Amino acid sequence: MAAGCQSITLLFLLALFSLALGHEVPYPLVVSTWPFLEAVRAAWRAVDSGSSAMDAVVAGCSACEELRCDGTVGPGGSPDENGETTIDAMVMNGVTMEVGAVAAMRYVKDGIRAAKLVMDHTKHTLLVGEQASAFAISMGLPGPTNLSSPESIEKWIKWKENHCQPNFWKNVAPVDSCGPYHSKETLSFSEDICSKPILMRTIESRSSHVDLHNHDTISMAVIDKMGHIAVGTSTNGATFKIPGRVGDGPIVGSSAYADDDVGACGATGDGDIMMRFLPCYQVVESMRLGMEPKRAADDAILRIARKFPDFVGAIFAINKNGVHAGACHGWTFQYSVRHSKNEDVEVFTVRP
């Protein structure tokens, strides 16, 4: 009897330890950044009916693009400095390690489908700009389409009226205007009492003004009934970004990463900072070395925070067994989960 009680106690402690590290659920499994409930439901319907993880990711992210989730995914949101909306997207197959991505894509609203076409029909990984648009249209996606909306244009007009503030420029002049800008690293010589030239150098650094509503991404991971993993991301980037800017959305290893042997990761936040650290690649590799998802997620975020203590971002991590966890810095993060044991999408809240 004593041995039986000890066994029960040990199992109970192991269960508590597992819960402390993350949340283990059966697959199929869908995990997404933010409470994008309809996107997760769309992916779940696909994977639960027998679709592959990759097809479910495309279904889920496409739903978010159609719904224009938070105004930060799909067309009609996040205008750049010219008032134009562009699309970044990426898909990755955790079985084959194939990746397809598009960046700064104009005139085509279906970012995730365009990324999938790059993966399926080219030997490349990333296509950009108008050439990405031409490719997507040639492969049958609708376009050319105006990706702006009345809301995005109104937002852009108000920003212009506010002298284009805030923006993503730094060390430039004139300050508090809409440009055109030039480097503020100026040389000014003046004479001191000894008539020696003195070098005057002025550098100004400005905040990137990243927050929940102007810099967001859907990053989604799916484990299908066969246990295979795929990930995808879609975003229209940072509001009032400098035209041509590409964030971490289409960058494999930064916004998302998947490996069937290990697990997957998705990220959201200040992509200009996060892409320098490839946090999702770091998460998967940490899990490969034995870290549980929670510890791997915390470690990846901490690596960024050590260098950029003011950055804003978050990640979720899942291992191949369906254990999931999240980590964040600078804001409260929520991620959504759907699996066969719950009746609908469950939202998990992670605090810094």
Protein backbone atom coordinates (compact mmCIF):
# COMPACT_ATOMS: atom_id res chain seq x y z
CA MET A 1 0.00 0.00 0.00
CA ALA A 2 2.84 2.37 0.89
CA ALA A 3 4.56 1.66 -2.44
CA GLY A 4 1.28 2.31 -4.26
CA CYS A 5 0.84 5.66 -2.49
CA GLN A 6 4.40 6.61 -3.36
CA SER A 7 3.76 5.81 -7.03
CA ILE A 8 0.60 7.91 -7.04
CA THR A 9 2.45 10.77 -5.34
CA LEU A 10 5.28 10.55 -7.90
CA LEU A 11 2.84 10.64 -10.80
CA PHE A 12 1.08 13.63 -9.26
CA LEU A 13 4.36 15.51 -8.86
CA LEU A 14 5.35 14.70 -12.43
CA ALA A 15 2.01 16.02 -13.64
CA LEU A 16 2.48 19.25 -11.70
CA PHE A 17 6.00 19.58 -13.09
CA SER A 18 4.65 19.13 -16.63
CA LEU A 19 1.99 21.79 -16.09
CA ALA A 20 4.61 24.19 -14.78
CA LEU A 21 6.59 23.77 -17.98
CA GLY A 22 3.70 24.10 -20.40
CA HIS A 23 0.34 22.74 -21.48
CA GLU A 24 0.29 19.28 -23.05
CA VAL A 25 -2.58 18.54 -25.45
CA PRO A 26 -3.29 15.88 -28.06
CA TYR A 27 -3.04 16.56 -31.76
CA PRO A 28 -4.27 17.61 -34.20
CA LEU A 29 -3.41 20.97 -32.73
CA VAL A 30 -3.63 24.58 -33.90
CA VAL A 31 -1.76 27.40 -32.14
CA SER A 32 -1.82 31.06 -33.19
CA THR A 33 -0.61 34.40 -31.93
CA TRP A 34 -3.38 36.59 -30.48
CA PRO A 35 -7.09 35.85 -30.05
CA PHE A 36 -7.63 35.44 -33.79
CA LEU A 37 -10.43 33.01 -33.07
CA GLU A 38 -11.95 32.71 -36.53
CA ALA A 39 -8.54 32.07 -38.07
CA VAL A 40 -7.86 29.26 -35.60
CA ARG A 41 -11.32 27.82 -36.20
CA ALA A 42 -10.71 27.80 -39.95
CA ALA A 43 -7.41 25.99 -39.51
CA TRP A 44 -9.02 23.55 -37.08
CA ARG A 45 -11.85 22.70 -39.47
CA ALA A 46 -9.29 21.90 -42.12
CA VAL A 47 -6.95 19.78 -40.01
CA ASP A 48 -9.75 18.03 -38.12
CA SER A 49 -11.27 16.94 -41.44
CA GLY A 50 -7.99 15.34 -42.47
CA SER A 51 -6.11 18.14 -44.25
CA SER A 52 -2.35 18.36 -43.92
CA ALA A 53 -0.74 20.72 -41.45
CA MET A 54 0.39 22.90 -44.35
CA ASP A 55 -3.09 23.19 -45.88
CA ALA A 56 -4.55 23.97 -42.46
CA VAL A 57 -2.02 26.77 -41.92
CA VAL A 58 -2.94 28.28 -45.27
CA ALA A 59 -6.65 28.01 -44.44
CA GLY A 60 -6.19 29.67 -41.08
CA CYS A 61 -3.97 32.52 -42.21
CA SER A 62 -6.17 33.10 -45.27
CA ALA A 63 -9.17 33.52 -42.98
CA CYS A 64 -7.25 36.12 -41.00
CA GLU A 65 -6.32 37.97 -44.20
CA GLU A 66 -9.95 37.98 -45.34
CA LEU A 67 -11.10 39.24 -41.94
CA ARG A 68 -8.27 41.78 -41.83
CA CYS A 69 -7.44 40.70 -38.29
CA ASP A 70 -6.81 43.76 -36.09
CA GLY A 71 -6.16 45.76 -39.27
CA THR A 72 -2.62 44.36 -39.22
CA VAL A 73 -3.13 41.26 -41.38
CA GLY A 74 -4.22 41.25 -45.01
CA PRO A 75 -5.27 44.25 -47.12
CA GLY A 76 -6.72 47.51 -45.89
CA GLY A 77 -4.43 48.28 -42.97
CA SER A 78 -1.01 49.54 -41.87
CA PRO A 79 -0.30 52.11 -44.59
CA ASP A 80 3.31 52.97 -45.27
CA GLU A 81 4.63 56.53 -45.61
CA ASN A 82 3.09 56.73 -49.09
CA GLY A 83 -0.29 55.55 -47.83
CA GLU A 84 0.08 52.13 -49.47
CA THR A 85 -0.54 48.73 -47.88
CA THR A 86 1.83 45.89 -48.75
CA ILE A 87 1.90 42.25 -47.67
CA ASP A 88 4.55 40.00 -46.11
CA ALA A 89 3.90 36.25 -45.64
CA MET A 90 5.70 32.95 -45.16
CA VAL A 91 4.98 29.22 -44.94
CA MET A 92 7.26 26.41 -43.79
CA ASN A 93 6.86 22.65 -44.02
CA GLY A 94 8.35 20.95 -40.96
CA VAL A 95 8.69 17.64 -42.81
CA THR A 96 10.68 18.78 -45.83
CA MET A 97 12.01 22.08 -44.37
CA GLU A 98 10.78 23.81 -47.54
CA VAL A 99 9.91 27.50 -47.23
CA GLY A 100 7.98 29.90 -49.43
CA ALA A 101 7.71 33.62 -48.74
CA VAL A 102 6.75 36.97 -50.24
CA ALA A 103 7.73 40.40 -48.97
CA ALA A 104 6.67 43.98 -49.70
CA MET A 105 4.13 42.48 -52.11
CA ARG A 106 1.89 45.04 -53.78
CA TYR A 107 -1.50 44.66 -55.48
CA VAL A 108 -2.18 41.06 -54.30
CA LYS A 109 -4.17 40.49 -51.11
CA ASP A 110 -3.59 36.75 -50.68
CA GLY A 111 -0.22 36.78 -48.94
CA ILE A 112 -0.20 33.28 -47.47
CA ARG A 113 -1.38 31.68 -50.72
CA ALA A 114 1.28 33.56 -52.65
CA ALA A 115 3.91 32.28 -50.21
CA LYS A 116 2.62 28.72 -50.69
CA LEU A 117 2.87 29.14 -54.48
CA VAL A 118 6.51 30.18 -54.11
CA MET A 119 7.17 26.99 -52.14
CA ASP A 120 5.20 24.73 -54.49
CA HIS A 121 6.25 26.06 -57.87
CA THR A 122 9.73 27.55 -57.54
CA LYS A 123 13.12 26.48 -56.24
CA HIS A 124 13.37 29.84 -54.45
CA THR A 125 12.46 30.75 -50.91
CA LEU A 126 11.55 34.45 -51.08
CA LEU A 127 10.14 36.75 -53.77
CA VAL A 128 9.73 40.49 -53.17
CA GLY A 129 7.98 43.62 -54.38
CA GLU A 130 6.23 43.98 -57.69
CA GLN A 131 7.96 40.86 -59.01
CA ALA A 132 6.29 38.87 -56.23
CA SER A 133 2.98 40.42 -57.26
CA ALA A 134 3.53 39.52 -60.92
CA PHE A 135 4.42 35.95 -59.96
CA ALA A 136 1.34 35.55 -57.76
CA ILE A 137 -0.99 36.91 -60.45
CA SER A 138 0.62 34.71 -63.10
CA MET A 139 -0.07 31.69 -60.87
CA GLY A 140 -3.75 32.53 -60.69
CA LEU A 141 -4.25 34.73 -57.65
CA PRO A 142 -6.57 37.74 -58.05
CA GLY A 143 -4.93 41.05 -58.93
CA PRO A 144 -3.85 43.69 -59.41
CA THR A 145 -5.93 44.96 -56.50
CA ASN A 146 -5.83 48.17 -54.51
CA LEU A 147 -4.80 47.01 -51.04
CA SER A 148 -5.75 50.28 -49.35
CA SER A 149 -9.07 50.86 -47.60
CA PRO A 150 -10.99 53.97 -46.53
CA GLU A 151 -9.76 53.31 -42.99
CA SER A 152 -6.11 53.02 -43.97
CA ILE A 153 -6.29 56.15 -46.12
CA GLU A 154 -7.97 58.11 -43.33
CA LYS A 155 -5.29 56.96 -40.89
CA TRP A 156 -2.58 58.03 -43.34
CA ILE A 157 -4.16 61.47 -43.92
CA LYS A 158 -4.32 62.15 -40.18
CA TRP A 159 -0.69 61.08 -39.84
CA LYS A 160 0.32 63.48 -42.61
CA GLU A 161 -1.60 66.26 -40.89
CA ASN A 162 0.41 65.50 -37.76
CA HIS A 163 3.63 66.22 -39.69
CA CYS A 164 4.25 62.50 -40.26
CA GLN A 165 4.84 61.82 -36.58
CA PRO A 166 5.72 59.36 -35.21
CA ASN A 167 7.85 57.63 -37.82
CA PHE A 168 10.70 55.17 -38.23
CA TRP A 169 13.45 57.62 -39.18
CA LYS A 170 16.41 58.43 -36.97
CA ASN A 171 19.42 60.72 -37.13
CA VAL A 172 17.77 62.80 -39.85
CA ALA A 173 16.63 66.35 -40.45
CA PRO A 174 14.29 68.13 -40.66
CA VAL A 175 12.68 66.90 -37.47
CA ASP A 176 8.88 67.05 -37.11
CA SER A 177 8.17 67.14 -40.81
CA CYS A 178 7.32 64.80 -43.68
CA GLY A 179 10.69 65.09 -45.34
CA PRO A 180 12.42 64.67 -47.67
CA TYR A 181 15.02 63.83 -45.06
CA HIS A 182 18.79 64.04 -45.05
CA SER A 183 21.36 62.77 -42.64
CA LYS A 184 21.65 64.78 -39.46
CA GLU A 185 25.24 63.72 -39.03
CA THR A 186 26.51 67.18 -39.79
CA LEU A 187 29.92 68.66 -39.74
CA SER A 188 30.11 72.13 -38.31
CA PHE A 189 33.38 73.85 -37.79
CA SER A 190 33.78 76.78 -35.47
CA GLU A 191 36.82 78.52 -34.24
CA ASP A 192 37.87 78.33 -30.63
CA ILE A 193 40.13 80.86 -28.99
CA CYS A 194 43.12 79.07 -30.47
CA SER A 195 41.53 79.14 -33.94
CA LYS A 196 41.40 75.34 -34.00
CA PRO A 197 38.46 73.69 -35.77
CA ILE A 198 36.03 71.85 -33.52
CA LEU A 199 33.98 68.97 -34.96
CA MET A 200 30.31 69.22 -33.97
CA ARG A 201 28.29 66.02 -34.43
CA THR A 202 24.61 65.71 -33.61
CA ILE A 203 22.76 62.41 -33.58
CA GLU A 204 19.15 61.96 -32.58
CA SER A 205 17.45 58.65 -31.87
CA ARG A 206 13.67 58.30 -32.08
CA SER A 207 11.31 55.66 -30.74
CA SER A 208 9.95 53.11 -33.18
CA HIS A 209 6.50 53.51 -31.53
CA VAL A 210 5.71 49.81 -31.73
CA ASP A 211 2.62 48.65 -29.87
CA LEU A 212 -0.24 46.16 -30.11
CA HIS A 213 -2.13 48.11 -32.76
CA ASN A 214 0.52 49.13 -35.26
CA HIS A 215 2.89 46.20 -35.49
CA ASP A 216 1.20 42.84 -35.44
CA THR A 217 1.34 39.45 -37.13
CA ILE A 218 -0.60 36.23 -37.27
CA SER A 219 1.88 33.45 -36.76
CA MET A 220 0.30 29.99 -36.76
CA ALA A 221 1.51 26.45 -36.18
CA VAL A 222 -0.43 23.26 -36.89
CA ILE A 223 0.25 19.64 -36.01
CA ASP A 224 -1.93 17.37 -38.14
CA LYS A 225 -3.34 13.90 -37.44
CA MET A 226 -0.15 12.31 -38.72
CA GLY A 227 1.93 14.36 -36.29
CA HIS A 228 3.43 16.52 -39.03
CA ILE A 229 4.08 20.21 -38.35
CA ALA A 230 3.78 23.35 -40.49
CA VAL A 231 3.88 27.06 -39.72
CA GLY A 232 2.84 30.25 -41.49
CA THR A 233 2.77 33.99 -40.96
CA SER A 234 1.01 36.92 -42.59
CA THR A 235 1.16 40.64 -41.90
CA ASN A 236 0.85 44.00 -43.57
CA GLY A 237 3.76 45.24 -41.52
CA ALA A 238 4.40 48.28 -39.40
CA THR A 239 2.10 51.28 -39.70
CA PHE A 240 3.81 54.21 -41.46
CA LYS A 241 6.86 52.12 -42.27
CA ILE A 242 9.39 53.50 -44.71
CA PRO A 243 8.40 52.18 -48.17
CA GLY A 244 10.33 49.04 -48.99
CA ARG A 245 10.67 47.99 -45.38
CA VAL A 246 10.41 44.25 -44.71
CA GLY A 247 9.99 43.02 -41.15
CA ASP A 248 10.37 39.58 -39.69
CA GLY A 249 7.08 38.22 -41.09
CA PRO A 250 8.59 36.53 -44.16
CA ILE A 251 11.91 35.72 -42.51
CA VAL A 252 12.19 32.03 -41.69
CA GLY A 253 13.46 31.43 -38.18
CA SER A 254 12.31 34.82 -36.99
CA SER A 255 8.51 34.99 -37.30
CA ALA A 256 8.13 31.21 -37.35
CA TYR A 257 10.03 27.95 -37.64
CA ALA A 258 9.09 24.27 -37.69
CA ASP A 259 10.87 20.93 -37.60
CA ASP A 260 8.92 17.67 -37.44
CA ASP A 261 11.63 16.14 -35.27
CA VAL A 262 11.31 18.82 -32.60
CA GLY A 263 8.36 21.24 -32.74
CA ALA A 264 7.53 24.76 -33.84
CA CYS A 265 7.48 28.42 -32.83
CA GLY A 266 5.61 31.57 -33.82
CA ALA A 267 6.46 35.20 -33.04
CA THR A 268 4.96 38.68 -33.09
CA GLY A 269 6.18 42.12 -32.14
CA ASP A 270 8.92 44.51 -33.20
CA GLY A 271 10.20 42.58 -36.18
CA ASP A 272 13.02 45.00 -36.90
CA ILE A 273 14.56 43.99 -33.58
CA MET A 274 13.42 40.38 -33.36
CA MET A 275 14.68 39.37 -36.80
CA ARG A 276 18.22 40.11 -35.66
CA PHE A 277 18.01 37.20 -33.22
CA LEU A 278 15.99 34.56 -35.16
CA PRO A 279 14.03 33.79 -31.98
CA CYS A 280 11.91 30.99 -33.43
CA TYR A 281 14.94 29.16 -34.78
CA GLN A 282 16.47 29.59 -31.34
CA VAL A 283 13.37 28.15 -29.66
CA VAL A 284 13.31 25.06 -31.85
CA GLU A 285 17.01 24.45 -31.44
CA SER A 286 16.74 24.88 -27.66
CA MET A 287 13.95 22.30 -27.60
CA ARG A 288 16.10 20.02 -29.75
CA LEU A 289 18.72 20.20 -27.01
CA GLY A 290 16.19 19.17 -24.38
CA MET A 291 14.56 22.39 -23.15
CA GLU A 292 10.84 22.30 -22.48
CA PRO A 293 8.78 24.81 -24.52
CA LYS A 294 8.32 27.27 -21.65
CA ARG A 295 12.00 27.46 -20.84
CA ALA A 296 12.93 27.66 -24.52
CA ALA A 297 10.48 30.51 -25.10
CA ASP A 298 11.66 32.44 -22.05
CA ASP A 299 15.29 31.97 -23.05
CA ALA A 300 14.73 33.28 -26.59
CA ILE A 301 12.93 36.38 -25.33
CA LEU A 302 15.59 37.02 -22.70
CA ARG A 303 18.34 36.90 -25.33
CA ILE A 304 16.67 39.86 -27.07
CA ALA A 305 15.81 41.76 -23.89
CA ARG A 306 19.42 41.69 -22.72
CA LYS A 307 20.45 43.70 -25.76
CA PHE A 308 17.24 45.71 -26.31
CA PRO A 309 15.49 46.13 -22.94
CA ASP A 310 12.77 48.34 -24.46
CA PHE A 311 11.75 46.00 -27.26
CA VAL A 312 8.17 44.69 -27.52
CA GLY A 313 7.56 41.12 -28.62
CA ALA A 314 6.27 37.65 -27.85
CA ILE A 315 6.58 34.04 -28.96
CA PHE A 316 4.78 30.75 -28.52
CA ALA A 317 6.52 27.39 -28.57
CA ILE A 318 5.16 23.87 -29.06
CA ASN A 319 7.05 20.60 -29.06
CA LYS A 320 6.23 17.58 -31.20
CA ASN A 321 4.17 16.11 -28.36
CA GLY A 322 1.82 19.09 -28.29
CA VAL A 323 3.19 20.80 -25.18
CA HIS A 324 2.83 24.55 -25.70
CA ALA A 325 3.88 27.69 -23.85
CA GLY A 326 4.40 31.40 -24.42
CA ALA A 327 6.75 34.19 -23.41
CA CYS A 328 6.70 37.95 -23.92
CA HIS A 329 8.44 41.22 -23.15
CA GLY A 330 7.05 44.74 -23.02
CA TRP A 331 3.37 43.83 -23.32
CA THR A 332 0.81 41.23 -22.27
CA PHE A 333 0.61 38.51 -24.90
CA GLN A 334 -2.25 36.19 -25.76
CA TYR A 335 -2.13 33.11 -27.94
CA SER A 336 -4.92 30.80 -29.09
CA VAL A 337 -5.11 27.00 -29.04
CA ARG A 338 -7.56 24.47 -30.50
CA HIS A 339 -7.36 20.71 -30.11
CA SER A 340 -9.69 17.72 -29.90
CA LYS A 341 -10.17 17.92 -26.14
CA ASN A 342 -11.67 21.39 -26.08
CA GLU A 343 -14.94 22.41 -27.70
CA ASP A 344 -13.66 25.71 -29.05
CA VAL A 345 -10.58 27.89 -29.17
CA GLU A 346 -8.90 28.53 -25.83
CA VAL A 347 -6.96 31.75 -25.28
CA PHE A 348 -3.89 31.73 -23.03
CA THR A 349 -2.58 34.94 -21.47
CA VAL A 350 1.13 35.46 -20.86
CA ARG A 351 2.45 38.43 -18.89
CA PRO A 352 5.98 39.83 -18.91
